[in-house]
Every structure is written in C-alpha cells, then in structure tokens.
Amino acid sequence: MAVQINPSILSADFSRLAEEAKAVEGADWLHVDVMDNHFVPNLTLGVPVVESLSRATDIPLDCHLMIDDPDRWAPQYVEAGAGSVTFHAEAAAAPVRLAREIRAKGARASMALKPATPIEPYEDLLPELDMLLIMTVEPGFGGQAFLDIMLPKIRRTRELIAKHGLELWLQVDGGVSEATIERCAEAGADVFVAGSAVYSASDPAQAVGSLRDKAARTIATAGWACHH
C-alpha cells in the first residue's frame, strides 16, 4: 500500500504558483482546490489556472472541485490537464455517469464526501471510482483543525473497500499534519492532502517526506493494511 502525499496549493502563494509547485518536488500529486463561492463560501481558481499550472510542473494535478454542477464542469478540468478530478457527492446530479466521463477522458475519477455525509449510501458506487475523498474539515477554507470524529467514517470506508476487493485510494483532506497523519493512516487512509503543514514549513519538500515517512510507518503495522 503506497502512501501518497498531495500538498494543497490552497496554502501556497497564489502569485508564485509555479515556484510553489517546484518547492514540493517529490510530492505524489499537487492538490488543487477549486471553489466557486456557491457550493462553499470561498472563491479560488478555475480552468485557466489549472491549464497554466499543468504546463508549469511535472507533478500530476489532483483537482478537488468544491463547486455546484460538477456534471457540467468536471470534464473541462481533465481537458485542462488534471490527472485526477474529484467531484462532491452532494453536488453531482449523476455521479456514476460523471465518474465514467472523467475516466473516459483519461483521468482518475474521485468522489468527495463532506463531514456530515455518510459513506454507506454510496457503497454501490465505489467500483466506479479510483479514489474516495473524506473531508476531515468542512470544505471551504485552509488551516482548519482536524475533525477527529471523522476517524470512524474513514474506518468504515476502508472496510467497504476491502469488502468489495477494490484497489480504491482513500484520501483525507483537512487538518492533516505531523500531529494527525498517523491517526488517519491507522484508520485506513493512504492518500493525504496537506496544505499549511507543508507550505508553512521552512522546507516544504522535507515536510512532504516527513509526512510520508510517518504515514508509511503507521500503515506498515495497521490492521487494515496487514489484511489487504
């Protein structure tokens, strides 16, 4: 089970995105938070910035769409250069169709759940996805405190993945840091989005490596991984 660390550019300097991408060389993906000020109360960036960023870095882009009507907009992010596109279950009108369209265009399809959204109603959709994202804060702003109450949901999701024998990545996003990543890994996550924990560090690339090492050590002895 390979651990992946995805630094979030939400915590980067938006005026220097190309340089900020270079600062985290060695990261598995670059996490790009797209917010529309409707689905969440914040506004960030859109397709043109993703196009520019994809040309400026060799790190694949993991686009997290916190937007209304992802059925309409998500395919454009694949065309803009995203290697993985995440839509929210709460916003998608036809999640299976959308996941298949994202995959057909050549990207990995991922679905996100806000903290209050349970995983169980979406069990039958899991085979249609390449990754599931469990938000460990309310989406909308970086720098929030990790919600420990999400750990049981991460465990239940990992159990469903194992039940169906899926090679599904399980991502967590929100408050992931040196202090919380081991709890997430022990519960079943293997892909970790970290914003301020990486970009507020004096050496962002070293912070990525340190987070990866902590998660990998935890997963090596975690019950869910031993049975995988």
Protein backbone atom coordinates (compact mmCIF):
# COMPACT_ATOMS: atom_id res chain seq x y z
CA MET A 1 0.00 0.00 0.00
CA ALA A 2 1.86 3.07 -1.26
CA VAL A 3 1.46 6.23 0.79
CA GLN A 4 0.86 9.39 -1.23
CA ILE A 5 1.29 12.97 -0.07
CA ASN A 6 -0.57 15.68 -2.00
CA PRO A 7 0.38 19.23 -0.97
CA SER A 8 -2.53 21.64 -1.31
CA ILE A 9 -1.79 24.86 -3.15
CA LEU A 10 -4.63 26.47 -1.19
CA SER A 11 -1.89 27.22 1.36
CA ALA A 12 0.63 28.34 -1.28
CA ASP A 13 1.36 31.85 -2.54
CA PHE A 14 -1.04 32.24 -5.49
CA SER A 15 1.19 34.89 -7.07
CA ARG A 16 4.06 32.35 -7.33
CA LEU A 17 2.31 29.07 -8.13
CA ALA A 18 4.98 27.73 -10.50
CA GLU A 19 7.67 28.30 -7.85
CA GLU A 20 5.45 26.89 -5.10
CA ALA A 21 4.98 23.72 -7.19
CA LYS A 22 8.75 23.38 -7.55
CA ALA A 23 9.11 23.77 -3.76
CA VAL A 24 7.35 20.43 -3.21
CA GLU A 25 9.26 18.30 -5.71
CA GLY A 26 8.92 14.70 -4.60
CA ALA A 27 5.21 15.08 -3.85
CA ASP A 28 2.97 12.48 -5.46
CA TRP A 29 0.30 14.91 -6.64
CA LEU A 30 -0.37 18.62 -6.37
CA HIS A 31 -3.80 19.15 -4.83
CA VAL A 32 -5.72 21.99 -6.48
CA ASP A 33 -8.78 23.27 -4.61
CA VAL A 34 -11.38 24.73 -6.96
CA MET A 35 -14.08 26.72 -5.14
CA ASP A 36 -16.97 28.64 -6.72
CA ASN A 37 -18.37 30.68 -3.78
CA HIS A 38 -21.64 28.74 -4.13
CA PHE A 39 -21.03 25.16 -3.01
CA VAL A 40 -18.57 26.55 -0.45
CA PRO A 41 -18.23 30.13 0.86
CA ASN A 42 -14.90 30.82 -0.82
CA LEU A 43 -13.62 31.57 -4.31
CA THR A 44 -10.27 30.30 -5.57
CA LEU A 45 -9.37 29.45 -9.15
CA GLY A 46 -10.65 27.75 -12.29
CA VAL A 47 -9.79 26.10 -15.58
CA PRO A 48 -7.30 28.72 -16.90
CA VAL A 49 -5.11 28.48 -13.78
CA VAL A 50 -5.17 24.67 -13.92
CA GLU A 51 -4.09 24.84 -17.58
CA SER A 52 -1.19 27.14 -16.69
CA LEU A 53 -0.16 25.08 -13.68
CA SER A 54 -0.17 21.84 -15.67
CA ARG A 55 2.34 23.40 -18.04
CA ALA A 56 4.50 24.69 -15.17
CA THR A 57 5.01 21.45 -13.24
CA ASP A 58 5.66 17.77 -13.85
CA ILE A 59 3.78 16.83 -10.67
CA PRO A 60 0.34 15.48 -11.69
CA LEU A 61 -2.61 17.64 -10.67
CA ASP A 62 -5.29 16.36 -8.30
CA CYS A 63 -8.22 18.77 -8.78
CA HIS A 64 -10.79 18.88 -5.97
CA LEU A 65 -13.94 20.56 -7.27
CA MET A 66 -15.89 22.21 -4.46
CA ILE A 67 -18.40 23.57 -6.95
CA ASP A 68 -22.03 23.37 -7.97
CA ASP A 69 -22.89 21.44 -11.15
CA PRO A 70 -19.70 19.36 -11.44
CA ASP A 71 -21.53 17.25 -14.06
CA ARG A 72 -21.11 20.20 -16.40
CA TRP A 73 -17.67 21.49 -15.36
CA ALA A 74 -15.57 18.49 -14.26
CA PRO A 75 -14.70 17.24 -17.77
CA GLN A 76 -13.13 20.62 -18.55
CA TYR A 77 -10.59 20.07 -15.78
CA VAL A 78 -9.44 16.84 -17.41
CA GLU A 79 -9.01 18.75 -20.67
CA ALA A 80 -7.07 21.43 -18.76
CA GLY A 81 -4.52 18.83 -17.66
CA ALA A 82 -5.74 17.33 -14.38
CA GLY A 83 -4.70 13.73 -13.81
CA SER A 84 -7.36 13.20 -11.14
CA VAL A 85 -10.66 15.02 -10.75
CA THR A 86 -12.75 14.90 -7.56
CA PHE A 87 -16.40 15.93 -7.52
CA HIS A 88 -18.61 16.16 -4.44
CA ALA A 89 -21.34 13.58 -3.89
CA GLU A 90 -23.54 16.37 -2.54
CA ALA A 91 -23.27 18.38 -5.76
CA ALA A 92 -23.29 15.77 -8.55
CA ALA A 93 -26.62 15.03 -10.24
CA ALA A 94 -25.41 11.79 -11.87
CA PRO A 95 -22.24 10.64 -10.09
CA VAL A 96 -21.85 7.33 -11.93
CA ARG A 97 -22.19 8.95 -15.34
CA LEU A 98 -19.78 11.72 -14.30
CA ALA A 99 -17.17 9.29 -12.97
CA ARG A 100 -17.33 7.33 -16.21
CA GLU A 101 -16.97 10.50 -18.27
CA ILE A 102 -13.90 11.61 -16.28
CA ARG A 103 -12.33 8.17 -16.76
CA ALA A 104 -13.20 8.13 -20.47
CA LYS A 105 -11.33 11.40 -20.90
CA GLY A 106 -8.24 9.84 -19.35
CA ALA A 107 -8.19 11.00 -15.72
CA ARG A 108 -8.77 9.24 -12.43
CA ALA A 109 -12.31 9.73 -11.10
CA SER A 110 -12.77 10.59 -7.44
CA MET A 111 -15.74 11.45 -5.25
CA ALA A 112 -15.64 13.55 -2.08
CA LEU A 113 -17.88 13.48 0.98
CA LYS A 114 -18.38 16.40 3.34
CA PRO A 115 -18.12 15.58 7.08
CA ALA A 116 -21.87 15.11 7.59
CA THR A 117 -22.32 12.89 4.51
CA PRO A 118 -22.23 9.14 5.33
CA ILE A 119 -20.39 6.67 3.12
CA GLU A 120 -22.97 3.88 3.30
CA PRO A 121 -25.46 5.21 0.68
CA TYR A 122 -22.61 5.28 -1.84
CA GLU A 123 -21.32 1.74 -1.31
CA ASP A 124 -22.58 0.52 -4.69
CA LEU A 125 -20.81 3.41 -6.47
CA LEU A 126 -17.34 2.57 -5.16
CA PRO A 127 -16.35 0.31 -8.12
CA GLU A 128 -16.92 3.29 -10.44
CA LEU A 129 -14.27 5.34 -8.64
CA ASP A 130 -10.48 5.44 -8.50
CA MET A 131 -10.41 7.37 -5.23
CA LEU A 132 -12.75 8.43 -2.45
CA LEU A 133 -12.05 11.63 -0.51
CA ILE A 134 -13.26 12.01 3.06
CA MET A 135 -13.20 15.63 4.17
CA THR A 136 -11.80 15.93 7.70
CA VAL A 137 -12.87 19.58 7.95
CA GLU A 138 -15.83 21.47 6.48
CA PRO A 139 -14.70 22.37 2.96
CA GLY A 140 -14.11 25.98 2.07
CA PHE A 141 -11.02 27.23 3.90
CA GLY A 142 -7.49 26.05 4.62
CA GLY A 143 -5.86 25.94 8.04
CA GLN A 144 -8.81 24.41 9.91
CA ALA A 145 -8.45 21.98 12.83
CA PHE A 146 -8.74 18.25 12.06
CA LEU A 147 -12.09 16.67 12.99
CA ASP A 148 -11.36 13.50 14.99
CA ILE A 149 -14.99 12.46 14.65
CA MET A 150 -14.22 11.55 11.03
CA LEU A 151 -11.92 8.66 12.01
CA PRO A 152 -14.76 6.09 12.36
CA LYS A 153 -16.01 7.07 8.88
CA ILE A 154 -12.53 6.50 7.45
CA ARG A 155 -12.51 3.05 9.09
CA ARG A 156 -15.96 2.16 7.73
CA THR A 157 -14.93 3.27 4.26
CA ARG A 158 -11.76 1.16 4.38
CA GLU A 159 -13.89 -1.83 5.44
CA LEU A 160 -16.21 -1.32 2.45
CA ILE A 161 -13.23 -1.08 0.09
CA ALA A 162 -11.90 -4.38 1.48
CA LYS A 163 -15.37 -5.98 1.37
CA HIS A 164 -15.58 -5.36 -2.37
CA GLY A 165 -11.91 -6.18 -3.04
CA LEU A 166 -11.30 -2.77 -4.64
CA GLU A 167 -7.99 -1.05 -5.43
CA LEU A 168 -9.54 2.24 -4.38
CA TRP A 169 -7.39 5.03 -2.97
CA LEU A 170 -8.75 6.57 0.24
CA GLN A 171 -7.85 10.25 0.58
CA VAL A 172 -8.26 12.56 3.56
CA ASP A 173 -8.21 16.35 3.33
CA GLY A 174 -8.36 18.88 6.15
CA GLY A 175 -6.12 19.49 9.13
CA VAL A 176 -3.64 16.78 8.08
CA SER A 177 -0.32 17.43 9.80
CA GLU A 178 2.53 15.74 11.69
CA ALA A 179 0.15 15.60 14.66
CA THR A 180 -2.80 13.96 12.87
CA ILE A 181 -1.49 11.94 9.91
CA GLU A 182 -0.81 8.80 11.95
CA ARG A 183 -4.42 8.66 13.17
CA CYS A 184 -5.66 8.98 9.58
CA ALA A 185 -3.29 6.26 8.37
CA GLU A 186 -4.21 3.90 11.18
CA ALA A 187 -7.90 4.36 10.36
CA GLY A 188 -7.38 3.42 6.71
CA ALA A 189 -6.33 6.44 4.64
CA ASP A 190 -3.44 6.08 2.18
CA VAL A 191 -3.57 9.43 0.31
CA PHE A 192 -3.09 12.59 2.36
CA VAL A 193 -3.75 16.20 1.40
CA ALA A 194 -1.65 18.61 3.47
CA GLY A 195 -1.74 22.37 3.00
CA SER A 196 -0.42 24.54 5.79
CA ALA A 197 1.58 21.61 7.23
CA VAL A 198 3.66 21.66 4.03
CA TYR A 199 3.63 25.27 2.86
CA SER A 200 4.18 26.84 6.29
CA ALA A 201 7.28 24.67 6.80
CA SER A 202 10.72 26.19 6.23
CA ASP A 203 11.45 23.35 3.79
CA PRO A 204 8.19 22.22 2.09
CA ALA A 205 9.84 19.29 0.27
CA GLN A 206 11.27 17.99 3.55
CA ALA A 207 7.83 18.34 5.16
CA VAL A 208 6.36 16.15 2.40
CA GLY A 209 8.98 13.48 3.08
CA SER A 210 8.44 13.61 6.83
CA LEU A 211 4.67 13.24 6.47
CA ARG A 212 5.14 10.32 4.07
CA ASP A 213 7.50 8.54 6.47
CA LYS A 214 5.12 8.93 9.40
CA ALA A 215 2.15 7.60 7.42
CA ALA A 216 4.15 4.73 5.92
CA ARG A 217 5.38 3.56 9.34
CA THR A 218 1.83 3.60 10.68
CA ILE A 219 0.34 1.76 7.71
CA ALA A 220 3.06 -0.90 7.91
CA THR A 221 1.61 -2.05 11.24
CA ALA A 222 -2.06 -1.10 10.74
CA GLY A 223 -4.53 -3.94 10.93
CA TRP A 224 -6.34 -2.98 7.74
CA ALA A 225 -3.12 -2.95 5.70
CA CYS A 226 -1.90 -6.28 7.07
CA HIS A 227 -5.08 -7.91 5.82
CA HIS A 228 -5.00 -6.16 2.44
